[in-house]
Amino acid sequence: MIQRIQTVYLLIVTLITGILPFWVNLWSDAEGNEIFAKNDLFISGAFYVSALLALVAIVLFKNRKNQFVVNRLNMILNLFLLGFFVYRSLNLSGEISVSEKGIGMLIPIISIVFLVLANRAIKKDEDLVKSVDRLR
């Protein structure tokens, strides 16, 4: 379980989505207040669900097909988060006042990249098992 590369990728996703959004700001409003994930219930819930799905995918190491499906669901959730952040960033004022986008808006992109890498490794393992079964 731990020795597989997709487990490492999923652990990285768990750490990125479970801890990082609460340390780095997502954006700053016009008054200069930094907005973190803990300030919005929807965003913090989505990040927690994403971390939980990554942990569930790690536990499903014996059933690679279900692991693949859980990762896909996690990617869809991160795409929704990314879409929300893009919508939010387009609504932030861009004038001279101090409203700026934070680095935390990139967390779903990083998470999706590691989920894609994990799915590629899961697919590779599944193909390897199928090829070994063919040789018997």
C-alpha atoms as a PDB file:
ATOM      1  CA  MET A   1       0.000   0.000   0.000  1.00  0.00           C
ATOM      2  CA  ILE A   2       2.542   2.642   1.069  1.00  0.00           C
ATOM      3  CA  GLN A   3       5.189   1.443  -1.356  1.00  0.00           C
ATOM      4  CA  ARG A   4       3.027   2.273  -4.376  1.00  0.00           C
ATOM      5  CA  ILE A   5       3.600   5.644  -6.007  1.00  0.00           C
ATOM      6  CA  GLN A   6      -0.116   6.441  -6.248  1.00  0.00           C
ATOM      7  CA  THR A   7      -0.323   6.258  -2.459  1.00  0.00           C
ATOM      8  CA  VAL A   8       2.375   8.916  -2.230  1.00  0.00           C
ATOM      9  CA  TYR A   9       0.479  11.091  -4.718  1.00  0.00           C
ATOM     10  CA  LEU A  10      -2.740  10.646  -2.766  1.00  0.00           C
ATOM     11  CA  LEU A  11      -0.992  11.500   0.507  1.00  0.00           C
ATOM     12  CA  ILE A  12       0.276  14.692  -1.115  1.00  0.00           C
ATOM     13  CA  VAL A  13      -3.287  15.517  -2.225  1.00  0.00           C
ATOM     14  CA  THR A  14      -4.519  14.862   1.315  1.00  0.00           C
ATOM     15  CA  LEU A  15      -1.933  17.202   2.788  1.00  0.00           C
ATOM     16  CA  ILE A  16      -2.449  19.874   0.140  1.00  0.00           C
ATOM     17  CA  THR A  17      -6.244  19.954   0.411  1.00  0.00           C
ATOM     18  CA  GLY A  18      -6.525  19.204   4.120  1.00  0.00           C
ATOM     19  CA  ILE A  19      -3.955  21.594   5.564  1.00  0.00           C
ATOM     20  CA  LEU A  20      -2.690  24.129   3.026  1.00  0.00           C
ATOM     21  CA  PRO A  21      -5.950  26.075   2.362  1.00  0.00           C
ATOM     22  CA  PHE A  22      -6.137  26.986   6.030  1.00  0.00           C
ATOM     23  CA  TRP A  23      -2.599  28.453   6.087  1.00  0.00           C
ATOM     24  CA  VAL A  24      -2.429  30.391   2.814  1.00  0.00           C
ATOM     25  CA  ASN A  25      -4.956  33.034   1.895  1.00  0.00           C
ATOM     26  CA  LEU A  26      -7.362  32.497  -0.964  1.00  0.00           C
ATOM     27  CA  TRP A  27      -7.930  36.170  -1.678  1.00  0.00           C
ATOM     28  CA  SER A  28      -7.975  39.572  -0.021  1.00  0.00           C
ATOM     29  CA  ASP A  29     -11.016  41.800  -0.042  1.00  0.00           C
ATOM     30  CA  ALA A  30     -11.123  45.536  -0.673  1.00  0.00           C
ATOM     31  CA  GLU A  31     -10.489  46.330   2.994  1.00  0.00           C
ATOM     32  CA  GLY A  32      -7.322  44.231   2.980  1.00  0.00           C
ATOM     33  CA  ASN A  33      -8.790  41.360   5.022  1.00  0.00           C
ATOM     34  CA  GLU A  34      -7.291  38.039   3.998  1.00  0.00           C
ATOM     35  CA  ILE A  35      -9.865  35.353   3.322  1.00  0.00           C
ATOM     36  CA  PHE A  36      -8.874  31.792   4.230  1.00  0.00           C
ATOM     37  CA  ALA A  37     -10.799  28.576   3.653  1.00  0.00           C
ATOM     38  CA  LYS A  38     -11.924  28.549   7.283  1.00  0.00           C
ATOM     39  CA  ASN A  39     -13.849  31.796   6.715  1.00  0.00           C
ATOM     40  CA  ASP A  40     -16.274  30.171   4.270  1.00  0.00           C
ATOM     41  CA  LEU A  41     -18.174  27.002   5.183  1.00  0.00           C
ATOM     42  CA  PHE A  42     -18.637  25.852   1.569  1.00  0.00           C
ATOM     43  CA  ILE A  43     -14.968  26.173   0.685  1.00  0.00           C
ATOM     44  CA  SER A  44     -13.693  24.539   3.858  1.00  0.00           C
ATOM     45  CA  GLY A  45     -16.200  21.708   3.464  1.00  0.00           C
ATOM     46  CA  ALA A  46     -15.138  21.129  -0.126  1.00  0.00           C
ATOM     47  CA  PHE A  47     -11.471  21.011   0.855  1.00  0.00           C
ATOM     48  CA  TYR A  48     -12.213  18.601   3.711  1.00  0.00           C
ATOM     49  CA  VAL A  49     -14.271  16.354   1.411  1.00  0.00           C
ATOM     50  CA  SER A  50     -11.430  16.378  -1.112  1.00  0.00           C
ATOM     51  CA  ALA A  51      -8.931  15.333   1.571  1.00  0.00           C
ATOM     52  CA  LEU A  52     -11.340  12.657   2.790  1.00  0.00           C
ATOM     53  CA  LEU A  53     -11.808  11.287  -0.732  1.00  0.00           C
ATOM     54  CA  ALA A  54      -8.041  11.062  -1.131  1.00  0.00           C
ATOM     55  CA  LEU A  55      -7.800   9.124   2.145  1.00  0.00           C
ATOM     56  CA  VAL A  56     -10.627   6.811   1.040  1.00  0.00           C
ATOM     57  CA  ALA A  57      -8.765   6.203  -2.218  1.00  0.00           C
ATOM     58  CA  ILE A  58      -5.649   5.238  -0.246  1.00  0.00           C
ATOM     59  CA  VAL A  59      -7.680   2.734   1.782  1.00  0.00           C
ATOM     60  CA  LEU A  60      -9.126   1.236  -1.416  1.00  0.00           C
ATOM     61  CA  PHE A  61      -5.696   0.016  -2.539  1.00  0.00           C
ATOM     62  CA  LYS A  62      -6.947  -3.559  -3.009  1.00  0.00           C
ATOM     63  CA  ASN A  63      -9.698  -2.521  -5.413  1.00  0.00           C
ATOM     64  CA  ARG A  64      -8.000  -0.436  -8.067  1.00  0.00           C
ATOM     65  CA  LYS A  65     -11.162   0.179 -10.105  1.00  0.00           C
ATOM     66  CA  ASN A  66     -12.957   1.760  -7.146  1.00  0.00           C
ATOM     67  CA  GLN A  67      -9.807   3.710  -6.321  1.00  0.00           C
ATOM     68  CA  PHE A  68      -9.808   5.055  -9.878  1.00  0.00           C
ATOM     69  CA  VAL A  69     -13.478   6.092  -9.590  1.00  0.00           C
ATOM     70  CA  VAL A  70     -12.958   7.827  -6.224  1.00  0.00           C
ATOM     71  CA  ASN A  71     -10.055   9.771  -7.719  1.00  0.00           C
ATOM     72  CA  ARG A  72     -12.259  10.838 -10.614  1.00  0.00           C
ATOM     73  CA  LEU A  73     -14.906  12.085  -8.167  1.00  0.00           C
ATOM     74  CA  ASN A  74     -12.187  13.994  -6.331  1.00  0.00           C
ATOM     75  CA  MET A  75     -11.080  15.571  -9.611  1.00  0.00           C
ATOM     76  CA  ILE A  76     -14.659  16.662 -10.337  1.00  0.00           C
ATOM     77  CA  LEU A  77     -14.922  18.215  -6.871  1.00  0.00           C
ATOM     78  CA  ASN A  78     -11.648  20.066  -7.405  1.00  0.00           C
ATOM     79  CA  LEU A  79     -12.869  21.282 -10.800  1.00  0.00           C
ATOM     80  CA  PHE A  80     -15.971  22.706  -9.099  1.00  0.00           C
ATOM     81  CA  LEU A  81     -13.724  24.406  -6.546  1.00  0.00           C
ATOM     82  CA  LEU A  82     -11.552  25.776  -9.329  1.00  0.00           C
ATOM     83  CA  GLY A  83     -14.629  27.061 -11.167  1.00  0.00           C
ATOM     84  CA  PHE A  84     -15.838  28.756  -7.990  1.00  0.00           C
ATOM     85  CA  PHE A  85     -12.432  30.387  -7.513  1.00  0.00           C
ATOM     86  CA  VAL A  86     -12.368  31.601 -11.109  1.00  0.00           C
ATOM     87  CA  TYR A  87     -15.863  33.030 -10.691  1.00  0.00           C
ATOM     88  CA  ARG A  88     -14.842  34.660  -7.408  1.00  0.00           C
ATOM     89  CA  SER A  89     -11.651  36.095  -8.876  1.00  0.00           C
ATOM     90  CA  LEU A  90     -13.548  37.618 -11.779  1.00  0.00           C
ATOM     91  CA  ASN A  91     -15.897  39.298  -9.307  1.00  0.00           C
ATOM     92  CA  LEU A  92     -13.088  40.752  -7.190  1.00  0.00           C
ATOM     93  CA  SER A  93     -12.538  44.371  -7.936  1.00  0.00           C
ATOM     94  CA  GLY A  94      -9.422  45.040  -9.937  1.00  0.00           C
ATOM     95  CA  GLU A  95      -9.019  48.705  -9.240  1.00  0.00           C
ATOM     96  CA  ILE A  96      -6.234  50.322  -7.279  1.00  0.00           C
ATOM     97  CA  SER A  97      -7.659  49.256  -3.904  1.00  0.00           C
ATOM     98  CA  VAL A  98      -6.107  46.302  -2.110  1.00  0.00           C
ATOM     99  CA  SER A  99      -8.233  43.459  -3.462  1.00  0.00           C
ATOM    100  CA  GLU A 100      -6.004  40.744  -4.776  1.00  0.00           C
ATOM    101  CA  LYS A 101      -6.052  37.087  -5.512  1.00  0.00           C
ATOM    102  CA  GLY A 102      -4.168  34.782  -3.180  1.00  0.00           C
ATOM    103  CA  ILE A 103      -1.956  31.813  -3.916  1.00  0.00           C
ATOM    104  CA  GLY A 104      -4.551  29.551  -2.300  1.00  0.00           C
ATOM    105  CA  MET A 105      -6.652  29.697  -5.455  1.00  0.00           C
ATOM    106  CA  LEU A 106      -4.096  27.435  -7.132  1.00  0.00           C
ATOM    107  CA  ILE A 107      -4.598  24.580  -4.656  1.00  0.00           C
ATOM    108  CA  PRO A 108      -7.281  22.785  -6.750  1.00  0.00           C
ATOM    109  CA  ILE A 109      -4.987  22.872  -9.804  1.00  0.00           C
ATOM    110  CA  ILE A 110      -2.116  21.293  -7.868  1.00  0.00           C
ATOM    111  CA  SER A 111      -4.509  18.736  -6.421  1.00  0.00           C
ATOM    112  CA  ILE A 112      -5.860  17.823  -9.860  1.00  0.00           C
ATOM    113  CA  VAL A 113      -2.327  17.337 -11.191  1.00  0.00           C
ATOM    114  CA  PHE A 114      -1.468  14.886  -8.414  1.00  0.00           C
ATOM    115  CA  LEU A 115      -4.803  13.087  -8.835  1.00  0.00           C
ATOM    116  CA  VAL A 116      -4.112  12.643 -12.548  1.00  0.00           C
ATOM    117  CA  LEU A 117      -0.662  11.259 -11.723  1.00  0.00           C
ATOM    118  CA  ALA A 118      -2.227   8.867  -9.207  1.00  0.00           C
ATOM    119  CA  ASN A 119      -4.794   7.694 -11.755  1.00  0.00           C
ATOM    120  CA  ARG A 120      -2.064   7.086 -14.315  1.00  0.00           C
ATOM    121  CA  ALA A 121      -0.180   4.952 -11.785  1.00  0.00           C
ATOM    122  CA  ILE A 122      -3.363   3.042 -10.889  1.00  0.00           C
ATOM    123  CA  LYS A 123      -4.030   2.397 -14.586  1.00  0.00           C
ATOM    124  CA  LYS A 124      -0.455   1.210 -15.008  1.00  0.00           C
ATOM    125  CA  ASP A 125      -0.860  -1.239 -12.111  1.00  0.00           C
ATOM    126  CA  GLU A 126      -4.151  -2.498 -13.509  1.00  0.00           C
ATOM    127  CA  ASP A 127      -2.586  -3.067 -16.929  1.00  0.00           C
ATOM    128  CA  LEU A 128       0.315  -4.925 -15.300  1.00  0.00           C
ATOM    129  CA  VAL A 129      -2.059  -7.235 -13.424  1.00  0.00           C
ATOM    130  CA  LYS A 130      -4.044  -7.891 -16.598  1.00  0.00           C
ATOM    131  CA  SER A 131      -0.893  -8.734 -18.530  1.00  0.00           C
ATOM    132  CA  VAL A 132       0.249 -11.164 -15.833  1.00  0.00           C
ATOM    133  CA  ASP A 133      -3.177 -12.825 -15.838  1.00  0.00           C
ATOM    134  CA  ARG A 134      -2.920 -13.229 -19.594  1.00  0.00           C
ATOM    135  CA  LEU A 135       0.341 -15.157 -19.273  1.00  0.00           C
ATOM    136  CA  ARG A 136      -1.111 -17.803 -16.956  1.00  0.00           C
END
